[in-house]
Amino acid sequence: CQVLRGLACGKSAKELAETLGVVRKTILSDCEYIRRHYC
């Protein structure tokens, strides 16, 4: 949910990873999960 809010504010994957304390690959995986579980 925080990734979605960050995307809406125009943040990049690298910025979100630093903010949330995870690696960039985790952010990309979260985006893919959100796309596959849209509901």
All heavy atoms as atom14 arrays in JSON, in Angstrom:
{
  "sequence": "CQVLRGLACGKSAKELAETLGVVRKTILSDCEYIRRHYC",
  "atom14_mask": [
    [1, 1, 1, 1, 1, 1, 0, 0, 0, 0, 0, 0, 0, 0],
    [1, 1, 1, 1, 1, 1, 1, 1, 1, 0, 0, 0, 0, 0],
    [1, 1, 1, 1, 1, 1, 1, 0, 0, 0, 0, 0, 0, 0],
    [1, 1, 1, 1, 1, 1, 1, 1, 0, 0, 0, 0, 0, 0],
    [1, 1, 1, 1, 1, 1, 1, 1, 1, 1, 1, 0, 0, 0],
    [1, 1, 1, 1, 0, 0, 0, 0, 0, 0, 0, 0, 0, 0],
    [1, 1, 1, 1, 1, 1, 1, 1, 0, 0, 0, 0, 0, 0],
    [1, 1, 1, 1, 1, 0, 0, 0, 0, 0, 0, 0, 0, 0],
    [1, 1, 1, 1, 1, 1, 0, 0, 0, 0, 0, 0, 0, 0],
    [1, 1, 1, 1, 0, 0, 0, 0, 0, 0, 0, 0, 0, 0],
    [1, 1, 1, 1, 1, 1, 1, 1, 1, 0, 0, 0, 0, 0],
    [1, 1, 1, 1, 1, 1, 0, 0, 0, 0, 0, 0, 0, 0],
    [1, 1, 1, 1, 1, 0, 0, 0, 0, 0, 0, 0, 0, 0],
    [1, 1, 1, 1, 1, 1, 1, 1, 1, 0, 0, 0, 0, 0],
    [1, 1, 1, 1, 1, 1, 1, 1, 1, 0, 0, 0, 0, 0],
    [1, 1, 1, 1, 1, 1, 1, 1, 0, 0, 0, 0, 0, 0],
    [1, 1, 1, 1, 1, 0, 0, 0, 0, 0, 0, 0, 0, 0],
    [1, 1, 1, 1, 1, 1, 1, 1, 1, 0, 0, 0, 0, 0],
    [1, 1, 1, 1, 1, 1, 1, 0, 0, 0, 0, 0, 0, 0],
    [1, 1, 1, 1, 1, 1, 1, 1, 0, 0, 0, 0, 0, 0],
    [1, 1, 1, 1, 0, 0, 0, 0, 0, 0, 0, 0, 0, 0],
    [1, 1, 1, 1, 1, 1, 1, 0, 0, 0, 0, 0, 0, 0],
    [1, 1, 1, 1, 1, 1, 1, 0, 0, 0, 0, 0, 0, 0],
    [1, 1, 1, 1, 1, 1, 1, 1, 1, 1, 1, 0, 0, 0],
    [1, 1, 1, 1, 1, 1, 1, 1, 1, 0, 0, 0, 0, 0],
    [1, 1, 1, 1, 1, 1, 1, 0, 0, 0, 0, 0, 0, 0],
    [1, 1, 1, 1, 1, 1, 1, 1, 0, 0, 0, 0, 0, 0],
    [1, 1, 1, 1, 1, 1, 1, 1, 0, 0, 0, 0, 0, 0],
    [1, 1, 1, 1, 1, 1, 0, 0, 0, 0, 0, 0, 0, 0],
    [1, 1, 1, 1, 1, 1, 1, 1, 0, 0, 0, 0, 0, 0],
    [1, 1, 1, 1, 1, 1, 0, 0, 0, 0, 0, 0, 0, 0],
    [1, 1, 1, 1, 1, 1, 1, 1, 1, 0, 0, 0, 0, 0],
    [1, 1, 1, 1, 1, 1, 1, 1, 1, 1, 1, 1, 0, 0],
    [1, 1, 1, 1, 1, 1, 1, 1, 0, 0, 0, 0, 0, 0],
    [1, 1, 1, 1, 1, 1, 1, 1, 1, 1, 1, 0, 0, 0],
    [1, 1, 1, 1, 1, 1, 1, 1, 1, 1, 1, 0, 0, 0],
    [1, 1, 1, 1, 1, 1, 1, 1, 1, 1, 0, 0, 0, 0],
    [1, 1, 1, 1, 1, 1, 1, 1, 1, 1, 1, 1, 0, 0],
    [1, 1, 1, 1, 1, 1, 0, 0, 0, 0, 0, 0, 0, 0]
  ],
  "atom14_positions": [
    [[0.84, -1.21, 0.0], [0.0, 0.0, 0.0], [0.87, 1.26, 0.0], [0.57, 2.25, -0.68], [-0.92, 0.01, 1.22], [-2.2, -1.27, 1.16], [0.0, 0.0, 0.0], [0.0, 0.0, 0.0], [0.0, 0.0, 0.0], [0.0, 0.0, 0.0], [0.0, 0.0, 0.0], [0.0, 0.0, 0.0], [0.0, 0.0, 0.0], [0.0, 0.0, 0.0]],
    [[1.99, 1.18, 0.75], [2.92, 2.32, 0.76], [3.59, 2.49, -0.61], [3.86, 3.62, -1.05], [3.97, 2.11, 1.85], [3.42, 2.22, 3.26], [4.48, 1.93, 4.33], [5.64, 1.73, 4.01], [4.04, 1.91, 5.58], [0.0, 0.0, 0.0], [0.0, 0.0, 0.0], [0.0, 0.0, 0.0], [0.0, 0.0, 0.0], [0.0, 0.0, 0.0]],
    [[3.85, 1.38, -1.28], [4.41, 1.45, -2.64], [3.43, 2.15, -3.56], [3.83, 3.02, -4.38], [4.74, 0.03, -3.16], [5.04, 0.05, -4.66], [5.92, -0.57, -2.4], [0.0, 0.0, 0.0], [0.0, 0.0, 0.0], [0.0, 0.0, 0.0], [0.0, 0.0, 0.0], [0.0, 0.0, 0.0], [0.0, 0.0, 0.0], [0.0, 0.0, 0.0]],
    [[2.15, 1.85, -3.46], [1.14, 2.5, -4.29], [1.1, 4.01, -4.02], [1.02, 4.83, -4.95], [-0.24, 1.88, -4.02], [-0.54, 0.56, -4.74], [-1.84, -0.02, -4.23], [-0.61, 0.78, -6.25], [0.0, 0.0, 0.0], [0.0, 0.0, 0.0], [0.0, 0.0, 0.0], [0.0, 0.0, 0.0], [0.0, 0.0, 0.0], [0.0, 0.0, 0.0]],
    [[1.17, 4.38, -2.75], [1.14, 5.81, -2.42], [2.39, 6.51, -2.96], [2.33, 7.65, -3.42], [1.05, 5.97, -0.9], [-0.26, 5.47, -0.32], [-0.4, 5.83, 1.15], [-1.61, 5.25, 1.73], [-1.65, 4.11, 2.41], [-0.53, 3.43, 2.62], [-2.79, 3.65, 2.88], [0.0, 0.0, 0.0], [0.0, 0.0, 0.0], [0.0, 0.0, 0.0]],
    [[3.54, 5.8, -2.87], [4.76, 6.38, -3.4], [4.72, 6.54, -4.91], [5.18, 7.56, -5.46], [0.0, 0.0, 0.0], [0.0, 0.0, 0.0], [0.0, 0.0, 0.0], [0.0, 0.0, 0.0], [0.0, 0.0, 0.0], [0.0, 0.0, 0.0], [0.0, 0.0, 0.0], [0.0, 0.0, 0.0], [0.0, 0.0, 0.0], [0.0, 0.0, 0.0]],
    [[4.15, 5.54, -5.61], [3.99, 5.64, -7.06], [3.1, 6.82, -7.43], [3.36, 7.54, -8.4], [3.39, 4.35, -7.62], [4.29, 3.11, -7.64], [3.48, 1.9, -8.09], [5.48, 3.32, -8.55], [0.0, 0.0, 0.0], [0.0, 0.0, 0.0], [0.0, 0.0, 0.0], [0.0, 0.0, 0.0], [0.0, 0.0, 0.0], [0.0, 0.0, 0.0]],
    [[2.04, 7.02, -6.64], [1.11, 8.12, -6.92], [1.79, 9.47, -6.73], [1.44, 10.45, -7.4], [-0.1, 8.02, -6.01], [0.0, 0.0, 0.0], [0.0, 0.0, 0.0], [0.0, 0.0, 0.0], [0.0, 0.0, 0.0], [0.0, 0.0, 0.0], [0.0, 0.0, 0.0], [0.0, 0.0, 0.0], [0.0, 0.0, 0.0], [0.0, 0.0, 0.0]],
    [[2.77, 9.54, -5.84], [3.51, 10.79, -5.6], [4.67, 10.97, -6.57], [5.41, 11.95, -6.48], [4.04, 10.82, -4.17], [2.73, 10.88, -2.94], [0.0, 0.0, 0.0], [0.0, 0.0, 0.0], [0.0, 0.0, 0.0], [0.0, 0.0, 0.0], [0.0, 0.0, 0.0], [0.0, 0.0, 0.0], [0.0, 0.0, 0.0], [0.0, 0.0, 0.0]],
    [[4.89, 9.96, -7.46], [5.92, 10.09, -8.47], [7.3, 9.64, -8.05], [8.29, 10.0, -8.69], [0.0, 0.0, 0.0], [0.0, 0.0, 0.0], [0.0, 0.0, 0.0], [0.0, 0.0, 0.0], [0.0, 0.0, 0.0], [0.0, 0.0, 0.0], [0.0, 0.0, 0.0], [0.0, 0.0, 0.0], [0.0, 0.0, 0.0], [0.0, 0.0, 0.0]],
    [[7.4, 8.86, -6.97], [8.71, 8.38, -6.52], [9.19, 7.24, -7.41], [8.39, 6.48, -7.97], [8.63, 7.91, -5.07], [8.42, 9.03, -4.07], [8.45, 8.49, -2.64], [8.28, 9.62, -1.63], [8.32, 9.14, -0.24], [0.0, 0.0, 0.0], [0.0, 0.0, 0.0], [0.0, 0.0, 0.0], [0.0, 0.0, 0.0], [0.0, 0.0, 0.0]],
    [[10.51, 7.1, -7.49], [11.09, 6.0, -8.26], [11.24, 4.77, -7.38], [11.08, 4.83, -6.16], [12.46, 6.42, -8.8], [13.37, 6.59, -7.72], [0.0, 0.0, 0.0], [0.0, 0.0, 0.0], [0.0, 0.0, 0.0], [0.0, 0.0, 0.0], [0.0, 0.0, 0.0], [0.0, 0.0, 0.0], [0.0, 0.0, 0.0], [0.0, 0.0, 0.0]],
    [[11.57, 3.64, -8.02], [11.75, 2.4, -7.28], [12.91, 2.51, -6.29], [12.85, 2.0, -5.17], [11.99, 1.24, -8.25], [0.0, 0.0, 0.0], [0.0, 0.0, 0.0], [0.0, 0.0, 0.0], [0.0, 0.0, 0.0], [0.0, 0.0, 0.0], [0.0, 0.0, 0.0], [0.0, 0.0, 0.0], [0.0, 0.0, 0.0], [0.0, 0.0, 0.0]],
    [[13.97, 3.19, -6.69], [15.13, 3.35, -5.83], [14.78, 4.18, -4.59], [15.17, 3.85, -3.46], [16.26, 4.0, -6.61], [17.56, 4.09, -5.84], [18.66, 4.68, -6.71], [19.98, 4.76, -5.92], [21.07, 5.34, -6.75], [0.0, 0.0, 0.0], [0.0, 0.0, 0.0], [0.0, 0.0, 0.0], [0.0, 0.0, 0.0], [0.0, 0.0, 0.0]],
    [[14.02, 5.25, -4.8], [13.61, 6.09, -3.67], [12.68, 5.34, -2.72], [12.81, 5.44, -1.5], [12.91, 7.35, -4.21], [13.84, 8.3, -4.95], [13.08, 9.39, -5.66], [11.84, 9.27, -5.84], [13.73, 10.38, -6.06], [0.0, 0.0, 0.0], [0.0, 0.0, 0.0], [0.0, 0.0, 0.0], [0.0, 0.0, 0.0], [0.0, 0.0, 0.0]],
    [[11.75, 4.55, -3.3], [10.84, 3.76, -2.45], [11.6, 2.71, -1.65], [11.3, 2.46, -0.49], [9.77, 3.09, -3.32], [8.67, 4.0, -3.87], [7.82, 3.25, -4.89], [7.79, 4.49, -2.73], [0.0, 0.0, 0.0], [0.0, 0.0, 0.0], [0.0, 0.0, 0.0], [0.0, 0.0, 0.0], [0.0, 0.0, 0.0], [0.0, 0.0, 0.0]],
    [[12.6, 2.08, -2.3], [13.39, 1.07, -1.62], [14.14, 1.66, -0.44], [14.2, 1.07, 0.65], [14.37, 0.42, -2.6], [0.0, 0.0, 0.0], [0.0, 0.0, 0.0], [0.0, 0.0, 0.0], [0.0, 0.0, 0.0], [0.0, 0.0, 0.0], [0.0, 0.0, 0.0], [0.0, 0.0, 0.0], [0.0, 0.0, 0.0], [0.0, 0.0, 0.0]],
    [[14.71, 2.86, -0.61], [15.43, 3.5, 0.49], [14.48, 3.91, 1.61], [14.8, 3.79, 2.79], [16.18, 4.73, -0.05], [17.34, 4.38, -0.96], [17.98, 5.61, -1.58], [17.43, 6.73, -1.37], [19.0, 5.47, -2.29], [0.0, 0.0, 0.0], [0.0, 0.0, 0.0], [0.0, 0.0, 0.0], [0.0, 0.0, 0.0], [0.0, 0.0, 0.0]],
    [[13.29, 4.38, 1.22], [12.31, 4.8, 2.22], [11.8, 3.61, 3.05], [11.66, 3.72, 4.27], [11.12, 5.51, 1.54], [11.6, 6.58, 0.76], [10.13, 6.02, 2.57], [0.0, 0.0, 0.0], [0.0, 0.0, 0.0], [0.0, 0.0, 0.0], [0.0, 0.0, 0.0], [0.0, 0.0, 0.0], [0.0, 0.0, 0.0], [0.0, 0.0, 0.0]],
    [[11.5, 2.52, 2.37], [10.9, 1.35, 3.04], [11.94, 0.37, 3.6], [11.57, -0.6, 4.25], [9.97, 0.61, 2.07], [8.79, 1.42, 1.53], [8.0, 0.62, 0.51], [7.88, 1.85, 2.69], [0.0, 0.0, 0.0], [0.0, 0.0, 0.0], [0.0, 0.0, 0.0], [0.0, 0.0, 0.0], [0.0, 0.0, 0.0], [0.0, 0.0, 0.0]],
    [[13.21, 0.58, 3.31], [14.26, -0.27, 3.85], [14.33, -1.64, 3.18], [14.63, -2.64, 3.85], [0.0, 0.0, 0.0], [0.0, 0.0, 0.0], [0.0, 0.0, 0.0], [0.0, 0.0, 0.0], [0.0, 0.0, 0.0], [0.0, 0.0, 0.0], [0.0, 0.0, 0.0], [0.0, 0.0, 0.0], [0.0, 0.0, 0.0], [0.0, 0.0, 0.0]],
    [[14.04, -1.69, 1.88], [14.12, -2.95, 1.13], [14.96, -2.7, -0.13], [15.35, -1.56, -0.41], [12.71, -3.48, 0.75], [11.93, -3.86, 1.98], [11.96, -2.44, -0.09], [0.0, 0.0, 0.0], [0.0, 0.0, 0.0], [0.0, 0.0, 0.0], [0.0, 0.0, 0.0], [0.0, 0.0, 0.0], [0.0, 0.0, 0.0], [0.0, 0.0, 0.0]],
    [[15.22, -3.75, -0.88], [15.97, -3.61, -2.12], [15.01, -3.25, -3.25], [13.8, -3.44, -3.17], [16.74, -4.91, -2.45], [17.77, -5.2, -1.38], [15.79, -6.08, -2.62], [0.0, 0.0, 0.0], [0.0, 0.0, 0.0], [0.0, 0.0, 0.0], [0.0, 0.0, 0.0], [0.0, 0.0, 0.0], [0.0, 0.0, 0.0], [0.0, 0.0, 0.0]],
    [[15.6, -2.73, -4.35], [14.8, -2.29, -5.5], [14.01, -3.45, -6.11], [12.87, -3.28, -6.56], [15.73, -1.67, -6.54], [15.03, -1.13, -7.78], [16.02, -0.44, -8.69], [15.39, 0.03, -9.91], [15.22, -0.72, -10.99], [15.65, -1.97, -11.01], [14.62, -0.21, -12.07], [0.0, 0.0, 0.0], [0.0, 0.0, 0.0], [0.0, 0.0, 0.0]],
    [[14.6, -4.66, -6.09], [13.92, -5.82, -6.68], [12.62, -6.14, -5.95], [11.64, -6.57, -6.56], [14.87, -7.02, -6.64], [14.35, -8.23, -7.38], [15.38, -9.35, -7.38], [14.85, -10.56, -8.12], [15.85, -11.67, -8.11], [0.0, 0.0, 0.0], [0.0, 0.0, 0.0], [0.0, 0.0, 0.0], [0.0, 0.0, 0.0], [0.0, 0.0, 0.0]],
    [[12.6, -5.89, -4.62], [11.38, -6.13, -3.85], [10.26, -5.18, -4.28], [9.08, -5.57, -4.37], [11.66, -5.97, -2.34], [12.69, -6.87, -1.96], [10.42, -6.23, -1.51], [0.0, 0.0, 0.0], [0.0, 0.0, 0.0], [0.0, 0.0, 0.0], [0.0, 0.0, 0.0], [0.0, 0.0, 0.0], [0.0, 0.0, 0.0], [0.0, 0.0, 0.0]],
    [[10.62, -3.93, -4.55], [9.61, -2.96, -5.01], [9.02, -3.4, -6.34], [7.8, -3.34, -6.56], [10.24, -1.56, -5.13], [10.81, -1.11, -3.77], [9.22, -0.55, -5.64], [9.79, -1.0, -2.68], [0.0, 0.0, 0.0], [0.0, 0.0, 0.0], [0.0, 0.0, 0.0], [0.0, 0.0, 0.0], [0.0, 0.0, 0.0], [0.0, 0.0, 0.0]],
    [[9.89, -3.86, -7.28], [9.39, -4.32, -8.57], [8.49, -5.55, -8.41], [7.48, -5.69, -9.1], [10.57, -4.65, -9.49], [11.46, -3.45, -9.87], [12.64, -3.93, -10.7], [10.66, -2.4, -10.63], [0.0, 0.0, 0.0], [0.0, 0.0, 0.0], [0.0, 0.0, 0.0], [0.0, 0.0, 0.0], [0.0, 0.0, 0.0], [0.0, 0.0, 0.0]],
    [[8.86, -6.45, -7.5], [8.02, -7.64, -7.23], [6.68, -7.23, -6.65], [5.63, -7.81, -6.98], [8.75, -8.58, -6.27], [9.95, -9.05, -6.83], [0.0, 0.0, 0.0], [0.0, 0.0, 0.0], [0.0, 0.0, 0.0], [0.0, 0.0, 0.0], [0.0, 0.0, 0.0], [0.0, 0.0, 0.0], [0.0, 0.0, 0.0], [0.0, 0.0, 0.0]],
    [[6.68, -6.21, -5.77], [5.42, -5.74, -5.21], [4.52, -5.15, -6.29], [3.3, -5.35, -6.28], [5.7, -4.68, -4.13], [6.23, -5.29, -2.84], [6.09, -6.52, -2.69], [6.76, -4.54, -2.01], [0.0, 0.0, 0.0], [0.0, 0.0, 0.0], [0.0, 0.0, 0.0], [0.0, 0.0, 0.0], [0.0, 0.0, 0.0], [0.0, 0.0, 0.0]],
    [[5.12, -4.41, -7.25], [4.32, -3.87, -8.35], [3.7, -4.98, -9.19], [2.54, -4.9, -9.6], [5.2, -2.98, -9.24], [5.7, -1.44, -8.45], [0.0, 0.0, 0.0], [0.0, 0.0, 0.0], [0.0, 0.0, 0.0], [0.0, 0.0, 0.0], [0.0, 0.0, 0.0], [0.0, 0.0, 0.0], [0.0, 0.0, 0.0], [0.0, 0.0, 0.0]],
    [[4.47, -6.03, -9.45], [3.94, -7.15, -10.21], [2.83, -7.86, -9.44], [1.82, -8.28, -10.01], [5.09, -8.12, -10.52], [4.68, -9.36, -11.29], [4.15, -9.02, -12.68], [4.4, -7.89, -13.18], [3.47, -9.87, -13.28], [0.0, 0.0, 0.0], [0.0, 0.0, 0.0], [0.0, 0.0, 0.0], [0.0, 0.0, 0.0], [0.0, 0.0, 0.0]],
    [[3.0, -7.99, -8.12], [1.96, -8.62, -7.29], [0.68, -7.79, -7.33], [-0.43, -8.32, -7.44], [2.46, -8.76, -5.85], [1.45, -9.4, -4.93], [1.4, -10.79, -4.77], [0.52, -8.63, -4.23], [0.46, -11.38, -3.94], [-0.41, -9.21, -3.4], [-0.44, -10.59, -3.26], [-1.37, -11.17, -2.43], [0.0, 0.0, 0.0], [0.0, 0.0, 0.0]],
    [[0.83, -6.46, -7.23], [-0.35, -5.58, -7.25], [-1.08, -5.73, -8.58], [-2.32, -5.76, -8.64], [0.08, -4.12, -7.02], [0.63, -3.96, -5.6], [-1.09, -3.17, -7.24], [1.34, -2.64, -5.35], [0.0, 0.0, 0.0], [0.0, 0.0, 0.0], [0.0, 0.0, 0.0], [0.0, 0.0, 0.0], [0.0, 0.0, 0.0], [0.0, 0.0, 0.0]],
    [[-0.31, -5.8, -9.69], [-0.94, -5.94, -11.0], [-1.72, -7.24, -11.11], [-2.82, -7.26, -11.66], [0.13, -5.88, -12.09], [-0.47, -5.79, -13.49], [0.57, -6.02, -14.55], [0.97, -7.42, -14.6], [0.25, -8.39, -15.18], [-0.91, -8.11, -15.74], [0.68, -9.63, -15.19], [0.0, 0.0, 0.0], [0.0, 0.0, 0.0], [0.0, 0.0, 0.0]],
    [[-1.16, -8.34, -10.57], [-1.82, -9.65, -10.68], [-2.97, -9.81, -9.69], [-3.82, -10.68, -9.86], [-0.79, -10.76, -10.48], [0.24, -10.85, -11.6], [1.18, -12.02, -11.41], [2.18, -12.09, -12.47], [1.99, -12.63, -13.67], [0.8, -13.14, -13.97], [2.95, -12.65, -14.57], [0.0, 0.0, 0.0], [0.0, 0.0, 0.0], [0.0, 0.0, 0.0]],
    [[-2.96, -9.02, -8.62], [-4.02, -9.11, -7.6], [-4.69, -7.73, -7.48], [-4.75, -7.13, -6.4], [-3.44, -9.56, -6.25], [-2.75, -10.89, -6.3], [-1.46, -11.05, -6.76], [-3.19, -12.14, -5.97], [-1.12, -12.33, -6.7], [-2.15, -13.01, -6.23], [0.0, 0.0, 0.0], [0.0, 0.0, 0.0], [0.0, 0.0, 0.0], [0.0, 0.0, 0.0]],
    [[-5.18, -7.27, -8.62], [-5.74, -5.91, -8.7], [-6.9, -5.72, -7.73], [-7.02, -4.66, -7.1], [-6.18, -5.65, -10.15], [-6.89, -4.34, -10.35], [-6.16, -3.16, -10.44], [-8.28, -4.29, -10.45], [-6.79, -1.95, -10.62], [-8.92, -3.08, -10.64], [-8.18, -1.91, -10.72], [-8.82, -0.73, -10.89], [0.0, 0.0, 0.0], [0.0, 0.0, 0.0]],
    [[-7.76, -6.74, -7.6], [-8.96, -6.59, -6.76], [-8.61, -6.33, -5.3], [-9.35, -5.65, -4.57], [-9.85, -7.82, -6.88], [-10.56, -8.03, -8.51], [0.0, 0.0, 0.0], [0.0, 0.0, 0.0], [0.0, 0.0, 0.0], [0.0, 0.0, 0.0], [0.0, 0.0, 0.0], [0.0, 0.0, 0.0], [0.0, 0.0, 0.0], [0.0, 0.0, 0.0]]
  ]
}
